[in-house]
Amino acid sequence: MIQILLGLMALCVLFFLVVIIRDVHRFVTVEYRIPCRGLKKSCCFVMLSDLHNKQFGEHNGRLLEAVEECRPDGVLIAGDMLTSQVSGSFAPALETVSALAEKYPVYYANGNHEYRVKTDTERYEDRYERYAKQLRRAGVVLLENESALLPETGIRIFGVEIDMDYYKKLRKSVMKVSYLNSLLGRPCADEYNILLAHNPDYFQAYAGWGADLVLSGHVHGGIMRLPVLGGVLSPALRLFPRYDGGLYEEGKSKMVLGRGLGTHTLPIRVFNPGELIVVRLEPERVN
């Protein structure tokens, strides 16, 4: 009986190892169609987050090919394309984003990893400054608490950088709308406002601020996904996070939360492959 139990345990361990290896090295394309008030014409964006320097094939060829197949009008990045390792290289992230910028308009908002590299100059020196300079040289629009208007569609894209206090482990800080106003100003009601906000935990505040659509990442799908229960663990070490991936609504606001593409610290994904997000925006029909 003991041998049978040990054999079953070994099979379970082997099964999960196979799932982890498979999910860590693959991604799926997930598409959302969203009706938008006041949109002048339909458009398509690809959203990337949490690549963490991951390479899908040489020079990220598989990822770049998948983006090309979607034929987007632009690429929106919701942060953490790199990993904030002091001795690590940012080259994979830089190469991938620069390659995208050769073909598409790219709008890039920082996640907590970019923000850490940017603000902790004692540890990282001028690495963020050099990274950002090369991105801008490639044509990438960095949105560091800034916005960009797309007049042909009536879309304004905001990118928000929030303080590291809002990424604390085991507890969630309170975010007030006034804090977002201080960073971004107030959105215009005559524009369709897309907010690139890396941390989805504050969706209620983003909605209260006036975002029509929020694009987020950070949670990595909860690392492991279970039927019914969803994602198991958030980066803040909270079990079964409220926002783990998918489409959410808060009043008139919507949030698309991608499950990211790479991993860091724990190279684990279980029943949880990476996601390349496609967002198709269409003018809302008036009855």
Protein backbone atom coordinates (compact mmCIF):
# COMPACT_ATOMS: atom_id res chain seq x y z
CA MET A 1 0.00 0.00 0.00
CA ILE A 2 2.82 2.41 0.88
CA GLN A 3 4.49 1.72 -2.45
CA ILE A 4 1.24 2.43 -4.28
CA LEU A 5 0.82 5.73 -2.41
CA LEU A 6 4.41 6.71 -3.10
CA GLY A 7 3.91 5.84 -6.76
CA LEU A 8 0.77 8.00 -6.95
CA MET A 9 2.59 10.87 -5.25
CA ALA A 10 5.44 10.57 -7.73
CA LEU A 11 2.98 10.64 -10.63
CA CYS A 12 1.30 13.75 -9.20
CA VAL A 13 4.63 15.50 -8.80
CA LEU A 14 5.61 14.56 -12.35
CA PHE A 15 2.25 15.76 -13.68
CA PHE A 16 2.58 19.17 -12.03
CA LEU A 17 6.17 19.53 -13.17
CA VAL A 18 5.06 18.92 -16.76
CA VAL A 19 2.24 21.47 -16.39
CA ILE A 20 4.60 24.07 -14.89
CA ILE A 21 7.22 23.63 -17.59
CA ARG A 22 4.58 23.80 -20.32
CA ASP A 23 2.75 26.84 -18.93
CA VAL A 24 5.93 28.81 -18.21
CA HIS A 25 7.04 28.46 -21.83
CA ARG A 26 3.80 29.20 -23.66
CA PHE A 27 1.20 31.92 -24.01
CA VAL A 28 -2.31 32.19 -25.41
CA THR A 29 -4.01 35.06 -27.22
CA VAL A 30 -7.13 36.34 -25.48
CA GLU A 31 -9.45 38.81 -27.21
CA TYR A 32 -11.96 41.29 -25.76
CA ARG A 33 -14.48 43.36 -27.73
CA ILE A 34 -15.57 46.48 -25.89
CA PRO A 35 -18.24 49.00 -26.97
CA CYS A 36 -17.06 52.54 -26.24
CA ARG A 37 -19.06 55.70 -25.82
CA GLY A 38 -17.95 58.57 -28.04
CA LEU A 39 -15.41 56.53 -30.00
CA LYS A 40 -14.96 57.99 -33.48
CA LYS A 41 -14.03 54.72 -35.16
CA SER A 42 -13.15 51.12 -34.36
CA CYS A 43 -9.58 50.29 -33.44
CA CYS A 44 -7.52 47.39 -32.13
CA PHE A 45 -4.77 47.34 -29.51
CA VAL A 46 -2.51 44.59 -28.29
CA MET A 47 -1.74 44.82 -24.58
CA LEU A 48 1.41 43.35 -23.02
CA SER A 49 2.37 43.15 -19.36
CA ASP A 50 4.74 41.33 -17.04
CA LEU A 51 7.10 40.00 -19.66
CA HIS A 52 9.93 40.13 -17.10
CA ASN A 53 12.57 39.67 -19.82
CA LYS A 54 11.00 36.38 -20.92
CA GLN A 55 12.00 35.16 -24.38
CA PHE A 56 9.55 33.14 -26.47
CA GLY A 57 11.95 31.94 -29.13
CA GLU A 58 15.03 33.70 -30.44
CA HIS A 59 14.65 37.49 -30.12
CA ASN A 60 11.10 36.83 -28.86
CA GLY A 61 10.16 35.78 -32.37
CA ARG A 62 7.07 33.78 -31.37
CA LEU A 63 5.65 36.71 -29.41
CA LEU A 64 6.34 39.24 -32.16
CA GLU A 65 4.74 36.97 -34.76
CA ALA A 66 1.64 36.59 -32.57
CA VAL A 67 1.35 40.36 -32.27
CA GLU A 68 1.66 40.75 -36.05
CA GLU A 69 -1.13 38.20 -36.60
CA CYS A 70 -3.46 40.43 -34.56
CA ARG A 71 -2.84 43.40 -36.90
CA PRO A 72 -3.17 45.99 -34.14
CA ASP A 73 -3.38 49.74 -34.58
CA GLY A 74 -1.05 50.11 -31.62
CA VAL A 75 0.59 48.36 -28.67
CA LEU A 76 -0.18 49.26 -25.06
CA ILE A 77 2.21 48.15 -22.32
CA ALA A 78 0.99 47.93 -18.73
CA GLY A 79 4.36 47.54 -17.05
CA ASP A 80 6.98 45.08 -15.81
CA MET A 81 8.57 44.27 -19.13
CA LEU A 82 11.85 43.91 -17.23
CA THR A 83 12.77 42.48 -13.83
CA SER A 84 14.47 44.68 -11.25
CA GLN A 85 17.49 42.49 -10.58
CA VAL A 86 20.56 44.55 -9.80
CA SER A 87 22.80 42.22 -11.80
CA GLY A 88 20.20 41.38 -14.46
CA SER A 89 20.06 42.53 -18.05
CA PHE A 90 17.28 44.71 -19.45
CA ALA A 91 18.29 43.81 -23.01
CA PRO A 92 15.45 41.33 -23.74
CA ALA A 93 12.78 43.86 -22.72
CA LEU A 94 14.48 46.66 -24.64
CA GLU A 95 14.93 44.54 -27.75
CA THR A 96 11.32 43.35 -27.74
CA VAL A 97 9.72 46.75 -27.16
CA SER A 98 12.01 48.40 -29.71
CA ALA A 99 11.09 45.75 -32.30
CA LEU A 100 7.40 46.46 -31.69
CA ALA A 101 7.99 50.19 -32.08
CA GLU A 102 9.41 49.60 -35.56
CA LYS A 103 5.95 48.52 -36.73
CA TYR A 104 3.39 50.05 -34.37
CA PRO A 105 2.79 53.06 -32.14
CA VAL A 106 3.79 51.86 -28.66
CA TYR A 107 2.56 53.44 -25.42
CA TYR A 108 4.36 52.22 -22.31
CA ALA A 109 3.40 52.73 -18.65
CA ASN A 110 5.75 51.54 -15.94
CA GLY A 111 5.07 48.75 -13.46
CA ASN A 112 6.56 48.34 -10.01
CA HIS A 113 9.78 46.84 -11.41
CA GLU A 114 10.50 49.78 -13.71
CA TYR A 115 9.48 52.18 -10.96
CA ARG A 116 11.87 50.53 -8.49
CA VAL A 117 14.76 50.79 -10.95
CA LYS A 118 13.83 54.41 -11.66
CA THR A 119 13.60 55.60 -8.06
CA ASP A 120 16.27 53.53 -6.29
CA THR A 121 19.28 55.16 -7.91
CA GLU A 122 21.53 54.06 -5.06
CA ARG A 123 21.16 50.44 -6.18
CA TYR A 124 20.51 50.83 -9.89
CA GLU A 125 22.39 54.08 -10.58
CA ASP A 126 21.32 55.47 -13.98
CA ARG A 127 20.09 52.19 -15.51
CA TYR A 128 16.48 53.36 -15.84
CA GLU A 129 17.55 56.65 -17.40
CA ARG A 130 19.55 54.74 -20.03
CA TYR A 131 16.70 52.25 -20.57
CA ALA A 132 14.12 55.04 -21.03
CA LYS A 133 16.43 56.99 -23.35
CA GLN A 134 16.85 53.99 -25.65
CA LEU A 135 13.11 53.33 -25.67
CA ARG A 136 12.35 56.92 -26.63
CA ARG A 137 15.01 56.77 -29.31
CA ALA A 138 13.17 53.74 -30.73
CA GLY A 139 9.95 55.77 -30.88
CA VAL A 140 8.22 54.42 -27.76
CA VAL A 141 5.93 56.87 -25.94
CA LEU A 142 6.66 56.53 -22.22
CA LEU A 143 3.71 57.63 -20.13
CA GLU A 144 5.10 58.46 -16.69
CA ASN A 145 2.01 60.07 -15.16
CA GLU A 146 1.37 61.54 -18.58
CA SER A 147 -1.13 61.10 -21.40
CA ALA A 148 -1.26 60.96 -25.18
CA LEU A 149 -4.24 61.90 -27.34
CA LEU A 150 -5.19 59.90 -30.44
CA PRO A 151 -7.33 62.50 -32.24
CA GLU A 152 -8.46 60.20 -35.05
CA THR A 153 -10.31 57.98 -32.55
CA GLY A 154 -11.00 60.36 -29.68
CA ILE A 155 -8.94 58.19 -27.30
CA ARG A 156 -6.62 59.57 -24.65
CA ILE A 157 -4.17 57.10 -23.16
CA PHE A 158 -2.92 57.74 -19.62
CA GLY A 159 -0.08 55.94 -17.91
CA VAL A 160 0.02 56.09 -14.12
CA GLU A 161 3.00 55.49 -11.82
CA ILE A 162 1.94 54.86 -8.25
CA ASP A 163 4.18 54.90 -5.19
CA MET A 164 5.67 51.64 -3.91
CA ASP A 165 3.46 51.94 -0.81
CA TYR A 166 0.64 50.68 -3.04
CA TYR A 167 2.55 47.44 -3.68
CA LYS A 168 3.04 46.42 -0.04
CA LYS A 169 2.90 42.73 0.86
CA LEU A 170 0.03 41.32 2.95
CA ARG A 171 -1.90 44.60 3.13
CA LYS A 172 -3.65 46.93 0.77
CA SER A 173 -3.25 50.70 1.06
CA VAL A 174 -6.19 53.05 0.54
CA MET A 175 -6.04 54.97 -2.71
CA LYS A 176 -8.09 58.14 -3.01
CA VAL A 177 -9.25 59.72 -6.24
CA SER A 178 -7.50 62.92 -5.15
CA TYR A 179 -4.19 61.03 -5.31
CA LEU A 180 -4.82 60.10 -8.96
CA ASN A 181 -5.84 63.70 -9.68
CA SER A 182 -2.51 64.87 -8.26
CA LEU A 183 -0.64 62.50 -10.59
CA LEU A 184 -2.70 62.70 -13.77
CA GLY A 185 -5.05 65.66 -13.49
CA ARG A 186 -8.69 65.06 -14.31
CA PRO A 187 -9.82 63.24 -17.45
CA CYS A 188 -11.93 64.96 -20.07
CA ALA A 189 -15.47 63.66 -20.34
CA ASP A 190 -15.43 64.33 -24.12
CA GLU A 191 -12.63 61.80 -24.66
CA TYR A 192 -12.50 58.04 -24.25
CA ASN A 193 -9.99 57.60 -21.46
CA ILE A 194 -7.79 54.50 -21.32
CA LEU A 195 -5.69 54.15 -18.17
CA LEU A 196 -2.62 51.93 -18.16
CA ALA A 197 -2.39 51.06 -14.47
CA HIS A 198 -0.13 48.17 -13.55
CA ASN A 199 -1.75 47.23 -10.23
CA PRO A 200 -5.42 46.21 -10.59
CA ASP A 201 -6.11 46.26 -6.84
CA TYR A 202 -7.18 49.89 -7.10
CA PHE A 203 -9.76 49.50 -9.85
CA GLN A 204 -12.42 51.24 -7.76
CA ALA A 205 -10.21 54.32 -7.45
CA TYR A 206 -9.40 54.25 -11.17
CA ALA A 207 -13.12 54.07 -11.97
CA GLY A 208 -13.87 56.89 -9.53
CA TRP A 209 -11.18 59.00 -11.18
CA GLY A 210 -12.94 58.60 -14.53
CA ALA A 211 -11.18 55.88 -16.51
CA ASP A 212 -13.43 54.40 -19.18
CA LEU A 213 -11.11 51.44 -19.65
CA VAL A 214 -8.31 50.26 -17.38
CA LEU A 215 -5.60 47.90 -18.64
CA SER A 216 -3.65 46.14 -15.88
CA GLY A 217 -1.33 43.25 -15.12
CA HIS A 218 0.84 42.54 -12.06
CA VAL A 219 -1.07 39.55 -10.62
CA HIS A 220 0.26 36.92 -13.08
CA GLY A 221 -3.14 35.21 -13.01
CA GLY A 222 -2.63 34.21 -9.39
CA ILE A 223 0.31 31.91 -10.31
CA MET A 224 -1.89 28.80 -10.10
CA ARG A 225 -5.52 28.67 -11.22
CA LEU A 226 -8.16 26.38 -9.75
CA PRO A 227 -11.66 25.66 -11.09
CA VAL A 228 -14.28 28.02 -9.61
CA LEU A 229 -11.77 29.52 -7.15
CA GLY A 230 -9.56 31.14 -9.81
CA GLY A 231 -6.09 32.50 -9.08
CA VAL A 232 -4.50 31.28 -5.88
CA LEU A 233 -1.90 33.86 -4.83
CA SER A 234 -1.28 37.53 -5.61
CA PRO A 235 2.11 39.30 -5.57
CA ALA A 236 0.96 40.90 -2.31
CA LEU A 237 0.78 37.34 -0.88
CA ARG A 238 -3.00 37.44 -0.55
CA LEU A 239 -4.88 34.22 -1.26
CA PHE A 240 -7.52 34.12 -3.99
CA PRO A 241 -7.27 37.79 -5.05
CA ARG A 242 -10.43 39.54 -6.14
CA TYR A 243 -8.83 40.55 -9.43
CA ASP A 244 -6.81 37.75 -11.02
CA GLY A 245 -7.50 38.03 -14.75
CA GLY A 246 -10.30 38.79 -17.17
CA LEU A 247 -12.85 41.56 -17.69
CA TYR A 248 -14.30 43.51 -14.73
CA GLU A 249 -16.80 46.34 -14.44
CA GLU A 250 -17.20 49.11 -11.87
CA GLY A 251 -20.03 51.49 -12.69
CA LYS A 252 -19.39 52.71 -16.24
CA SER A 253 -15.74 51.68 -16.15
CA LYS A 254 -14.26 48.42 -17.42
CA MET A 255 -10.95 46.79 -16.62
CA VAL A 256 -9.11 44.20 -18.70
CA LEU A 257 -6.61 42.40 -16.51
CA GLY A 258 -4.01 40.36 -18.35
CA ARG A 259 -2.30 37.40 -16.69
CA GLY A 260 1.09 38.52 -17.93
CA LEU A 261 3.64 36.75 -20.06
CA GLY A 262 6.65 35.94 -17.89
CA THR A 263 7.53 35.13 -14.30
CA HIS A 264 9.96 36.32 -11.67
CA THR A 265 11.14 35.12 -8.25
CA LEU A 266 9.04 31.94 -8.52
CA PRO A 267 9.18 30.62 -12.10
CA ILE A 268 5.83 28.89 -11.70
CA ARG A 269 2.59 28.86 -13.68
CA VAL A 270 0.03 26.11 -13.10
CA PHE A 271 -3.01 25.84 -15.43
CA ASN A 272 -2.13 29.44 -16.14
CA PRO A 273 -0.26 30.13 -19.40
CA GLY A 274 0.89 33.62 -20.25
CA GLU A 275 -1.53 35.92 -22.08
CA LEU A 276 -1.24 38.20 -25.06
CA ILE A 277 -4.27 40.49 -24.79
CA VAL A 278 -6.14 41.87 -27.80
CA VAL A 279 -8.62 44.68 -27.14
CA ARG A 280 -10.97 45.59 -29.98
CA LEU A 281 -12.76 48.86 -29.32
CA GLU A 282 -15.95 49.62 -31.20
CA PRO A 283 -18.22 52.70 -31.16
CA GLU A 284 -21.14 52.11 -28.84
CA ARG A 285 -24.41 51.77 -30.69
CA VAL A 286 -27.12 54.23 -29.72
CA ASN A 287 -30.62 52.74 -29.86
